[in-house]
N, C-alpha and C. Protein backbone atom coordinates (compact mmCIF):
# COMPACT_ATOMS: atom_id res chain seq x y z
N MET A 1 121.46 164.64 121.62
CA MET A 1 121.24 164.42 123.03
C MET A 1 122.56 164.02 123.69
N LYS A 2 122.79 164.53 124.89
CA LYS A 2 124.02 164.23 125.61
C LYS A 2 123.96 162.82 126.20
N GLU A 3 125.14 162.23 126.43
CA GLU A 3 125.20 160.88 126.98
C GLU A 3 124.48 160.76 128.31
N ARG A 4 124.65 161.73 129.17
CA ARG A 4 123.99 161.64 130.50
C ARG A 4 122.47 161.67 130.36
N GLU A 5 121.95 162.39 129.37
CA GLU A 5 120.50 162.44 129.14
C GLU A 5 119.99 161.10 128.61
N ILE A 6 120.76 160.49 127.71
CA ILE A 6 120.40 159.17 127.20
C ILE A 6 120.44 158.16 128.34
N GLN A 7 121.50 158.22 129.13
CA GLN A 7 121.65 157.31 130.26
C GLN A 7 120.48 157.44 131.23
N ARG A 8 120.09 158.66 131.53
CA ARG A 8 118.97 158.90 132.45
C ARG A 8 117.68 158.31 131.87
N ALA A 9 117.43 158.54 130.58
CA ALA A 9 116.22 158.02 129.94
C ALA A 9 116.21 156.49 129.94
N VAL A 10 117.35 155.87 129.65
CA VAL A 10 117.46 154.42 129.64
C VAL A 10 117.18 153.85 131.03
N LEU A 11 117.81 154.41 132.04
CA LEU A 11 117.60 153.94 133.41
C LEU A 11 116.15 154.13 133.87
N GLU A 12 115.57 155.28 133.57
CA GLU A 12 114.18 155.53 133.94
C GLU A 12 113.26 154.50 133.29
N TYR A 13 113.48 154.22 132.01
CA TYR A 13 112.65 153.25 131.30
C TYR A 13 112.81 151.86 131.91
N LEU A 14 114.03 151.43 132.12
CA LEU A 14 114.28 150.09 132.66
C LEU A 14 113.67 149.94 134.05
N ARG A 15 113.79 150.97 134.87
CA ARG A 15 113.23 150.91 136.23
C ARG A 15 111.70 150.95 136.20
N LEU A 16 111.15 151.74 135.30
CA LEU A 16 109.70 151.80 135.16
C LEU A 16 109.15 150.42 134.78
N ARG A 17 109.88 149.72 133.91
CA ARG A 17 109.47 148.38 133.48
C ARG A 17 109.89 147.30 134.47
N LYS A 18 110.53 147.70 135.56
CA LYS A 18 110.94 146.81 136.66
C LYS A 18 111.97 145.77 136.24
N PHE A 19 112.85 146.15 135.34
CA PHE A 19 113.98 145.30 134.99
C PHE A 19 115.02 145.39 136.10
N PHE A 20 115.75 144.31 136.31
CA PHE A 20 116.86 144.32 137.26
C PHE A 20 118.05 144.94 136.54
N CYS A 21 118.42 146.14 136.96
CA CYS A 21 119.51 146.87 136.30
C CYS A 21 120.19 147.78 137.31
N TRP A 22 121.38 148.23 136.95
CA TRP A 22 122.07 149.20 137.80
C TRP A 22 123.06 150.00 136.97
N LYS A 23 123.27 151.23 137.44
CA LYS A 23 124.27 152.11 136.84
C LYS A 23 125.61 151.74 137.43
N ASN A 24 126.58 151.60 136.59
CA ASN A 24 127.92 151.23 137.00
C ASN A 24 128.76 152.50 137.13
N ASN A 25 129.30 152.73 138.30
CA ASN A 25 130.12 153.92 138.53
C ASN A 25 131.57 153.62 138.18
N THR A 26 132.10 154.28 137.16
CA THR A 26 133.48 154.05 136.74
C THR A 26 134.34 155.30 136.91
N VAL A 27 133.83 156.28 137.66
CA VAL A 27 134.55 157.55 137.82
C VAL A 27 135.79 157.42 138.69
N GLY A 28 135.71 156.61 139.71
CA GLY A 28 136.80 156.53 140.67
C GLY A 28 136.42 157.24 141.96
N ILE A 29 137.35 157.30 142.87
CA ILE A 29 137.09 157.90 144.17
C ILE A 29 137.93 159.16 144.32
N TYR A 30 137.25 160.27 144.64
CA TYR A 30 137.95 161.54 144.82
C TYR A 30 138.55 161.61 146.22
N LYS A 31 139.83 161.93 146.30
CA LYS A 31 140.53 162.09 147.58
C LYS A 31 140.71 163.59 147.84
N LYS A 32 140.01 164.10 148.85
CA LYS A 32 140.07 165.52 149.18
C LYS A 32 141.48 165.97 149.54
N ASP A 33 142.19 165.13 150.30
CA ASP A 33 143.52 165.54 150.78
C ASP A 33 144.52 165.74 149.65
N THR A 34 144.39 164.99 148.56
CA THR A 34 145.33 165.12 147.44
C THR A 34 144.73 165.88 146.27
N GLY A 35 143.38 165.97 146.24
CA GLY A 35 142.72 166.64 145.12
C GLY A 35 142.73 165.80 143.86
N LYS A 36 142.96 164.49 144.00
CA LYS A 36 143.03 163.60 142.84
C LYS A 36 142.05 162.45 142.99
N TYR A 37 141.85 161.77 141.88
CA TYR A 37 140.99 160.60 141.87
C TYR A 37 141.82 159.33 141.94
N ILE A 38 141.32 158.35 142.69
CA ILE A 38 141.87 157.00 142.64
C ILE A 38 141.11 156.32 141.51
N PRO A 39 141.78 155.83 140.49
CA PRO A 39 141.07 155.25 139.35
C PRO A 39 140.16 154.08 139.76
N SER A 40 139.07 153.96 139.04
CA SER A 40 138.15 152.85 139.25
C SER A 40 138.84 151.55 138.89
N GLN A 41 138.44 150.48 139.56
CA GLN A 41 139.00 149.17 139.22
C GLN A 41 138.32 148.59 137.99
N SER A 42 137.27 149.22 137.52
CA SER A 42 136.55 148.70 136.37
C SER A 42 136.60 149.66 135.18
N VAL A 43 137.76 150.23 134.93
CA VAL A 43 137.93 151.14 133.80
C VAL A 43 137.56 150.42 132.51
N GLY A 44 136.68 151.03 131.75
CA GLY A 44 136.25 150.46 130.48
C GLY A 44 134.96 149.69 130.56
N SER A 45 134.47 149.42 131.77
CA SER A 45 133.22 148.67 131.89
C SER A 45 132.04 149.55 131.46
N PRO A 46 130.93 148.92 131.05
CA PRO A 46 129.80 149.68 130.53
C PRO A 46 129.10 150.52 131.59
N ASP A 47 128.30 151.47 131.11
CA ASP A 47 127.61 152.41 132.00
C ASP A 47 126.49 151.74 132.80
N ILE A 48 125.81 150.79 132.17
CA ILE A 48 124.65 150.16 132.79
C ILE A 48 124.73 148.65 132.61
N PHE A 49 124.36 147.92 133.66
CA PHE A 49 124.21 146.47 133.57
C PHE A 49 122.73 146.15 133.68
N LEU A 50 122.29 145.14 132.93
CA LEU A 50 120.91 144.73 132.87
C LEU A 50 120.88 143.21 132.85
N VAL A 51 119.92 142.62 133.57
CA VAL A 51 119.78 141.16 133.56
C VAL A 51 118.37 140.82 133.07
N ILE A 52 118.31 139.97 132.04
CA ILE A 52 117.04 139.47 131.51
C ILE A 52 117.17 137.96 131.36
N LYS A 53 116.25 137.23 131.98
CA LYS A 53 116.25 135.76 131.91
C LYS A 53 117.60 135.16 132.29
N GLY A 54 118.25 135.71 133.27
CA GLY A 54 119.53 135.18 133.73
C GLY A 54 120.72 135.56 132.87
N GLN A 55 120.49 136.30 131.80
CA GLN A 55 121.57 136.75 130.90
C GLN A 55 121.95 138.18 131.27
N ILE A 56 123.25 138.44 131.40
CA ILE A 56 123.70 139.79 131.74
C ILE A 56 124.07 140.56 130.47
N TYR A 57 123.66 141.81 130.47
CA TYR A 57 123.91 142.72 129.35
C TYR A 57 124.69 143.92 129.84
N GLY A 58 125.66 144.34 129.07
CA GLY A 58 126.38 145.57 129.34
C GLY A 58 125.92 146.60 128.33
N LEU A 59 125.47 147.73 128.80
CA LEU A 59 124.99 148.81 127.94
C LEU A 59 125.93 150.00 128.05
N GLU A 60 126.67 150.24 127.01
CA GLU A 60 127.56 151.41 126.96
C GLU A 60 126.79 152.52 126.27
N ILE A 61 126.57 153.61 126.98
CA ILE A 61 125.79 154.73 126.46
C ILE A 61 126.72 155.71 125.75
N LYS A 62 126.38 156.01 124.52
CA LYS A 62 127.16 156.96 123.73
C LYS A 62 126.23 157.92 123.00
N SER A 63 126.66 159.15 122.85
CA SER A 63 125.93 160.08 122.00
C SER A 63 126.16 159.64 120.56
N GLU A 64 125.48 160.26 119.63
CA GLU A 64 125.65 159.87 118.23
C GLU A 64 127.10 160.02 117.78
N LYS A 65 127.81 160.98 118.34
CA LYS A 65 129.21 161.21 117.95
C LYS A 65 130.20 160.46 118.84
N GLY A 66 129.72 159.88 119.94
CA GLY A 66 130.59 159.21 120.90
C GLY A 66 131.20 157.93 120.35
N LYS A 67 132.41 157.64 120.79
CA LYS A 67 133.12 156.43 120.36
C LYS A 67 133.69 155.72 121.59
N GLN A 68 133.82 154.41 121.47
CA GLN A 68 134.41 153.62 122.55
C GLN A 68 135.89 153.93 122.69
N SER A 69 136.34 153.96 123.93
CA SER A 69 137.78 154.08 124.20
C SER A 69 138.41 152.70 124.01
N GLU A 70 139.71 152.65 124.00
CA GLU A 70 140.40 151.37 123.86
C GLU A 70 140.10 150.46 125.06
N SER A 71 140.02 151.05 126.25
CA SER A 71 139.72 150.23 127.43
C SER A 71 138.29 149.69 127.36
N GLN A 72 137.38 150.44 126.79
CA GLN A 72 136.01 149.96 126.62
C GLN A 72 135.96 148.81 125.59
N LYS A 73 136.73 148.92 124.54
CA LYS A 73 136.78 147.85 123.53
C LYS A 73 137.34 146.57 124.13
N ARG A 74 138.39 146.70 124.94
CA ARG A 74 138.97 145.52 125.60
C ARG A 74 137.97 144.89 126.56
N TRP A 75 137.29 145.73 127.32
CA TRP A 75 136.30 145.26 128.28
C TRP A 75 135.19 144.50 127.56
N GLN A 76 134.73 145.06 126.43
CA GLN A 76 133.68 144.40 125.65
C GLN A 76 134.12 143.00 125.21
N LEU A 77 135.33 142.88 124.71
CA LEU A 77 135.84 141.57 124.27
C LEU A 77 135.86 140.56 125.42
N LEU A 78 136.34 140.97 126.57
CA LEU A 78 136.40 140.08 127.73
C LEU A 78 135.01 139.71 128.24
N PHE A 79 134.12 140.67 128.26
CA PHE A 79 132.75 140.47 128.72
C PHE A 79 132.02 139.48 127.82
N GLU A 80 132.15 139.67 126.52
CA GLU A 80 131.49 138.77 125.56
C GLU A 80 132.12 137.38 125.60
N ALA A 81 133.41 137.30 125.79
CA ALA A 81 134.08 135.99 125.89
C ALA A 81 133.59 135.23 127.13
N ALA A 82 133.17 135.96 128.16
CA ALA A 82 132.67 135.34 129.39
C ALA A 82 131.18 135.02 129.30
N GLY A 83 130.55 135.35 128.18
CA GLY A 83 129.14 135.02 127.99
C GLY A 83 128.17 136.17 128.09
N GLY A 84 128.67 137.37 128.39
CA GLY A 84 127.79 138.54 128.46
C GLY A 84 127.45 139.07 127.08
N LYS A 85 126.39 139.82 127.00
CA LYS A 85 126.01 140.50 125.76
C LYS A 85 126.25 141.99 125.98
N TYR A 86 126.84 142.62 124.99
CA TYR A 86 127.29 144.00 125.12
C TYR A 86 126.70 144.82 123.98
N PHE A 87 126.15 145.97 124.31
CA PHE A 87 125.57 146.84 123.28
C PHE A 87 125.98 148.28 123.51
N ILE A 88 126.20 148.98 122.43
CA ILE A 88 126.39 150.43 122.48
C ILE A 88 125.02 151.02 122.18
N VAL A 89 124.52 151.84 123.10
CA VAL A 89 123.18 152.39 123.00
C VAL A 89 123.28 153.89 122.79
N ASN A 90 122.68 154.36 121.68
CA ASN A 90 122.72 155.78 121.34
C ASN A 90 121.40 156.51 121.59
N SER A 91 120.35 155.75 121.93
CA SER A 91 119.04 156.37 122.14
C SER A 91 118.12 155.38 122.85
N LEU A 92 117.03 155.90 123.38
CA LEU A 92 116.04 155.04 124.03
C LEU A 92 115.40 154.12 122.99
N SER A 93 115.14 154.61 121.79
CA SER A 93 114.53 153.76 120.76
C SER A 93 115.44 152.60 120.39
N GLU A 94 116.75 152.82 120.41
CA GLU A 94 117.70 151.73 120.14
C GLU A 94 117.63 150.68 121.26
N LEU A 95 117.51 151.13 122.50
CA LEU A 95 117.36 150.20 123.62
C LEU A 95 116.11 149.35 123.44
N LEU A 96 115.01 149.96 123.03
CA LEU A 96 113.75 149.24 122.86
C LEU A 96 113.90 148.12 121.83
N LYS A 97 114.65 148.36 120.77
CA LYS A 97 114.89 147.32 119.76
C LYS A 97 115.68 146.16 120.36
N ILE A 98 116.68 146.48 121.16
CA ILE A 98 117.51 145.45 121.79
C ILE A 98 116.66 144.62 122.76
N ILE A 99 115.92 145.30 123.61
CA ILE A 99 115.13 144.61 124.62
C ILE A 99 114.06 143.73 124.00
N SER A 100 113.45 144.18 122.94
CA SER A 100 112.36 143.40 122.34
C SER A 100 112.85 142.03 121.88
N LYS A 101 114.12 141.91 121.57
CA LYS A 101 114.67 140.61 121.14
C LYS A 101 114.87 139.66 122.32
N TYR A 102 115.10 140.20 123.50
CA TYR A 102 115.51 139.39 124.63
C TYR A 102 114.57 139.43 125.83
N GLU A 103 113.58 140.31 125.76
CA GLU A 103 112.74 140.58 126.92
C GLU A 103 111.93 139.35 127.36
N GLU A 104 111.91 139.19 128.65
CA GLU A 104 111.08 138.16 129.26
C GLU A 104 109.65 138.67 129.29
N LYS A 105 108.72 137.84 128.88
CA LYS A 105 107.30 138.23 128.94
C LYS A 105 106.89 138.29 130.41
N LYS A 106 106.43 139.42 130.82
CA LYS A 106 106.07 139.60 132.22
C LYS A 106 104.59 139.30 132.41
N GLU A 107 104.30 138.60 133.51
CA GLU A 107 102.92 138.32 133.83
C GLU A 107 102.32 139.50 134.56
N THR A 108 101.07 139.80 134.25
CA THR A 108 100.41 140.93 134.92
C THR A 108 99.35 140.47 135.86
């Protein structure tokens, strides 16, 4: 499965379950006049942020063959040092395992 497909499935699941989450845009800004991108200020940050019980999680989505870049590894170290939890997610089933450990019991 491609990373964008995994990312879409993860976001759909989180939103369906009404988790507070958002997709982080790290592409940068395209400038039509120059035909180039202005780099994002958050190079290396994870694809998705999720908050459960006041704890912030960074979810880096990777295909089975995908690997973290050096900037992603540095970002992970800084994020964890600041108290965040960081996970590399390769599938929706992997996300479910992570969430089950930390999920807030929702009242119905």
